[in-house]
Amino acid sequence: MEKHRIFTTSFASVYPHYITKAEKKGRTKEELDTIIFWLTGYNQQQLQHIIDNRTDFETFFEEAPQLNPNVSKITGVICGWRVEEMEDKLMQKIRYLDKLVDELAKGKTMEKILRS
């Protein structure tokens, strides 16, 4: 079975779109990075390395230090799919990130986004 195109897309090519989406709604790159760190366990230096090396999404999630144990609290619909019901675990992780970025852009508080 052929891999979905997003799996082989570099994180660095999508990251600027996440930043733009957040900033258009008055949010910051720092808030976006906080969400990424919360979800994946990466830190700023590791994230910069991923961007510099143009790491693909598959590797980005495979090598994530630790997926946050509260990801099961991320629910809802993204791109027409319920994230909690996705069978492909890699696609589910990508959609978790999409959902969190959407929540940031929609003005949710960081406390709610980070499921605190």
C-alpha atoms as a PDB file:
ATOM      1  CA  MET A   1       0.000   0.000   0.000  1.00  0.00           C
ATOM      2  CA  GLU A   2       1.332   3.411  -0.975  1.00  0.00           C
ATOM      3  CA  LYS A   3       2.090   5.871   1.823  1.00  0.00           C
ATOM      4  CA  HIS A   4      -0.032   8.972   2.115  1.00  0.00           C
ATOM      5  CA  ARG A   5       1.790  12.000   0.703  1.00  0.00           C
ATOM      6  CA  ILE A   6       1.780  13.850   4.043  1.00  0.00           C
ATOM      7  CA  PHE A   7       3.909  11.083   5.608  1.00  0.00           C
ATOM      8  CA  THR A   8       6.830  11.924   3.312  1.00  0.00           C
ATOM      9  CA  THR A   9       6.274  15.687   3.387  1.00  0.00           C
ATOM     10  CA  SER A  10       8.903  17.570   5.356  1.00  0.00           C
ATOM     11  CA  PHE A  11       7.756  19.091   8.605  1.00  0.00           C
ATOM     12  CA  ALA A  12       9.732  22.210   7.629  1.00  0.00           C
ATOM     13  CA  SER A  13       7.512  22.760   4.592  1.00  0.00           C
ATOM     14  CA  VAL A  14       4.313  22.782   6.690  1.00  0.00           C
ATOM     15  CA  TYR A  15       5.611  24.549   9.807  1.00  0.00           C
ATOM     16  CA  PRO A  16       5.488  28.071   8.236  1.00  0.00           C
ATOM     17  CA  HIS A  17       1.808  27.465   7.398  1.00  0.00           C
ATOM     18  CA  TYR A  18       1.122  26.584  11.044  1.00  0.00           C
ATOM     19  CA  ILE A  19       2.864  29.817  12.100  1.00  0.00           C
ATOM     20  CA  THR A  20       0.887  31.892   9.590  1.00  0.00           C
ATOM     21  CA  LYS A  21      -2.403  30.323  10.691  1.00  0.00           C
ATOM     22  CA  ALA A  22      -1.654  31.110  14.341  1.00  0.00           C
ATOM     23  CA  GLU A  23      -0.366  34.637  13.721  1.00  0.00           C
ATOM     24  CA  LYS A  24      -3.342  35.591  11.522  1.00  0.00           C
ATOM     25  CA  LYS A  25      -5.495  34.996  14.587  1.00  0.00           C
ATOM     26  CA  GLY A  26      -3.278  36.954  16.955  1.00  0.00           C
ATOM     27  CA  ARG A  27      -1.400  33.997  18.389  1.00  0.00           C
ATOM     28  CA  THR A  28       2.379  33.570  18.485  1.00  0.00           C
ATOM     29  CA  LYS A  29       5.032  31.233  17.134  1.00  0.00           C
ATOM     30  CA  GLU A  30       6.019  30.619  20.757  1.00  0.00           C
ATOM     31  CA  GLU A  31       2.515  29.367  21.563  1.00  0.00           C
ATOM     32  CA  LEU A  32       2.630  27.116  18.502  1.00  0.00           C
ATOM     33  CA  ASP A  33       6.004  25.730  19.584  1.00  0.00           C
ATOM     34  CA  THR A  34       4.655  25.113  23.087  1.00  0.00           C
ATOM     35  CA  ILE A  35       1.880  22.992  21.555  1.00  0.00           C
ATOM     36  CA  ILE A  36       4.388  21.023  19.464  1.00  0.00           C
ATOM     37  CA  PHE A  37       6.608  20.453  22.507  1.00  0.00           C
ATOM     38  CA  TRP A  38       3.619  19.345  24.595  1.00  0.00           C
ATOM     39  CA  LEU A  39       2.452  16.880  21.947  1.00  0.00           C
ATOM     40  CA  THR A  40       5.820  15.379  20.991  1.00  0.00           C
ATOM     41  CA  GLY A  41       8.259  15.949  23.828  1.00  0.00           C
ATOM     42  CA  TYR A  42      10.669  17.814  21.529  1.00  0.00           C
ATOM     43  CA  ASN A  43      12.430  20.961  22.731  1.00  0.00           C
ATOM     44  CA  GLN A  44      13.425  24.095  20.784  1.00  0.00           C
ATOM     45  CA  GLN A  45      16.850  22.775  19.784  1.00  0.00           C
ATOM     46  CA  GLN A  46      15.417  19.443  18.588  1.00  0.00           C
ATOM     47  CA  LEU A  47      12.652  21.212  16.646  1.00  0.00           C
ATOM     48  CA  GLN A  48      15.191  23.468  14.924  1.00  0.00           C
ATOM     49  CA  HIS A  49      17.216  20.370  13.972  1.00  0.00           C
ATOM     50  CA  ILE A  50      14.080  18.802  12.433  1.00  0.00           C
ATOM     51  CA  ILE A  51      13.411  21.969  10.452  1.00  0.00           C
ATOM     52  CA  ASP A  52      17.031  22.343   9.319  1.00  0.00           C
ATOM     53  CA  ASN A  53      17.216  18.702   8.183  1.00  0.00           C
ATOM     54  CA  ARG A  54      13.796  18.811   6.484  1.00  0.00           C
ATOM     55  CA  THR A  55      12.671  15.753   8.447  1.00  0.00           C
ATOM     56  CA  ASP A  56       9.478  14.173   7.100  1.00  0.00           C
ATOM     57  CA  PHE A  57       6.331  13.780   9.194  1.00  0.00           C
ATOM     58  CA  GLU A  58       6.788  10.019   9.533  1.00  0.00           C
ATOM     59  CA  THR A  59      10.262  10.440  11.043  1.00  0.00           C
ATOM     60  CA  PHE A  60       9.120  13.476  13.037  1.00  0.00           C
ATOM     61  CA  PHE A  61       6.600  11.342  14.937  1.00  0.00           C
ATOM     62  CA  GLU A  62       8.662   8.120  14.980  1.00  0.00           C
ATOM     63  CA  GLU A  63      11.555   9.926  16.679  1.00  0.00           C
ATOM     64  CA  ALA A  64       9.445  12.093  18.986  1.00  0.00           C
ATOM     65  CA  PRO A  65      10.866  11.780  22.500  1.00  0.00           C
ATOM     66  CA  GLN A  66       7.451  11.057  24.023  1.00  0.00           C
ATOM     67  CA  LEU A  67       3.938  11.492  22.746  1.00  0.00           C
ATOM     68  CA  ASN A  68       2.016  13.248  25.500  1.00  0.00           C
ATOM     69  CA  PRO A  69       0.001  10.768  27.600  1.00  0.00           C
ATOM     70  CA  ASN A  70      -3.023  13.095  27.372  1.00  0.00           C
ATOM     71  CA  VAL A  71      -3.392  12.801  23.571  1.00  0.00           C
ATOM     72  CA  SER A  72      -6.458  10.650  24.128  1.00  0.00           C
ATOM     73  CA  LYS A  73      -8.149  13.835  25.385  1.00  0.00           C
ATOM     74  CA  ILE A  74      -7.816  15.361  21.903  1.00  0.00           C
ATOM     75  CA  THR A  75     -11.168  14.710  20.278  1.00  0.00           C
ATOM     76  CA  GLY A  76     -13.274  16.137  17.531  1.00  0.00           C
ATOM     77  CA  VAL A  77     -13.370  16.402  13.766  1.00  0.00           C
ATOM     78  CA  ILE A  78     -10.484  17.495  11.572  1.00  0.00           C
ATOM     79  CA  CYS A  79     -10.598  17.254   7.779  1.00  0.00           C
ATOM     80  CA  GLY A  80     -13.888  15.372   8.063  1.00  0.00           C
ATOM     81  CA  TRP A  81     -12.509  12.644  10.321  1.00  0.00           C
ATOM     82  CA  ARG A  82     -12.913  12.090  14.057  1.00  0.00           C
ATOM     83  CA  VAL A  83      -9.351  12.098  15.368  1.00  0.00           C
ATOM     84  CA  GLU A  84     -10.118   9.663  18.166  1.00  0.00           C
ATOM     85  CA  GLU A  85     -11.399   7.056  15.686  1.00  0.00           C
ATOM     86  CA  MET A  86      -8.587   7.129  13.115  1.00  0.00           C
ATOM     87  CA  GLU A  87      -7.124   3.692  12.477  1.00  0.00           C
ATOM     88  CA  ASP A  88      -3.806   4.774  10.952  1.00  0.00           C
ATOM     89  CA  LYS A  89      -1.788   5.788  14.016  1.00  0.00           C
ATOM     90  CA  LEU A  90       0.626   8.024  12.107  1.00  0.00           C
ATOM     91  CA  MET A  91      -2.206   9.906  10.418  1.00  0.00           C
ATOM     92  CA  GLN A  92      -3.880  10.199  13.816  1.00  0.00           C
ATOM     93  CA  LYS A  93      -0.769  11.850  15.282  1.00  0.00           C
ATOM     94  CA  ILE A  94      -0.586  14.277  12.361  1.00  0.00           C
ATOM     95  CA  ARG A  95      -4.265  15.122  12.831  1.00  0.00           C
ATOM     96  CA  TYR A  96      -3.736  15.590  16.582  1.00  0.00           C
ATOM     97  CA  LEU A  97      -1.241  18.304  15.679  1.00  0.00           C
ATOM     98  CA  ASP A  98      -3.636  19.804  13.124  1.00  0.00           C
ATOM     99  CA  LYS A  99      -6.417  19.839  15.717  1.00  0.00           C
ATOM    100  CA  LEU A 100      -4.222  21.592  18.291  1.00  0.00           C
ATOM    101  CA  VAL A 101      -3.145  24.225  15.739  1.00  0.00           C
ATOM    102  CA  ASP A 102      -6.813  24.777  14.834  1.00  0.00           C
ATOM    103  CA  GLU A 103      -7.698  25.224  18.507  1.00  0.00           C
ATOM    104  CA  LEU A 104      -4.890  27.772  18.879  1.00  0.00           C
ATOM    105  CA  ALA A 105      -6.131  29.691  15.828  1.00  0.00           C
ATOM    106  CA  LYS A 106      -9.707  29.598  17.137  1.00  0.00           C
ATOM    107  CA  GLY A 107      -8.628  31.411  20.288  1.00  0.00           C
ATOM    108  CA  LYS A 108      -8.821  28.629  22.866  1.00  0.00           C
ATOM    109  CA  THR A 109      -6.743  29.213  25.971  1.00  0.00           C
ATOM    110  CA  MET A 110      -3.416  27.408  26.200  1.00  0.00           C
ATOM    111  CA  GLU A 111      -4.687  25.662  29.333  1.00  0.00           C
ATOM    112  CA  LYS A 112      -7.531  24.091  27.346  1.00  0.00           C
ATOM    113  CA  ILE A 113      -5.372  23.283  24.320  1.00  0.00           C
ATOM    114  CA  LEU A 114      -2.807  21.525  26.529  1.00  0.00           C
ATOM    115  CA  ARG A 115      -5.566  19.616  28.313  1.00  0.00           C
ATOM    116  CA  SER A 116      -4.432  20.943  31.712  1.00  0.00           C
END
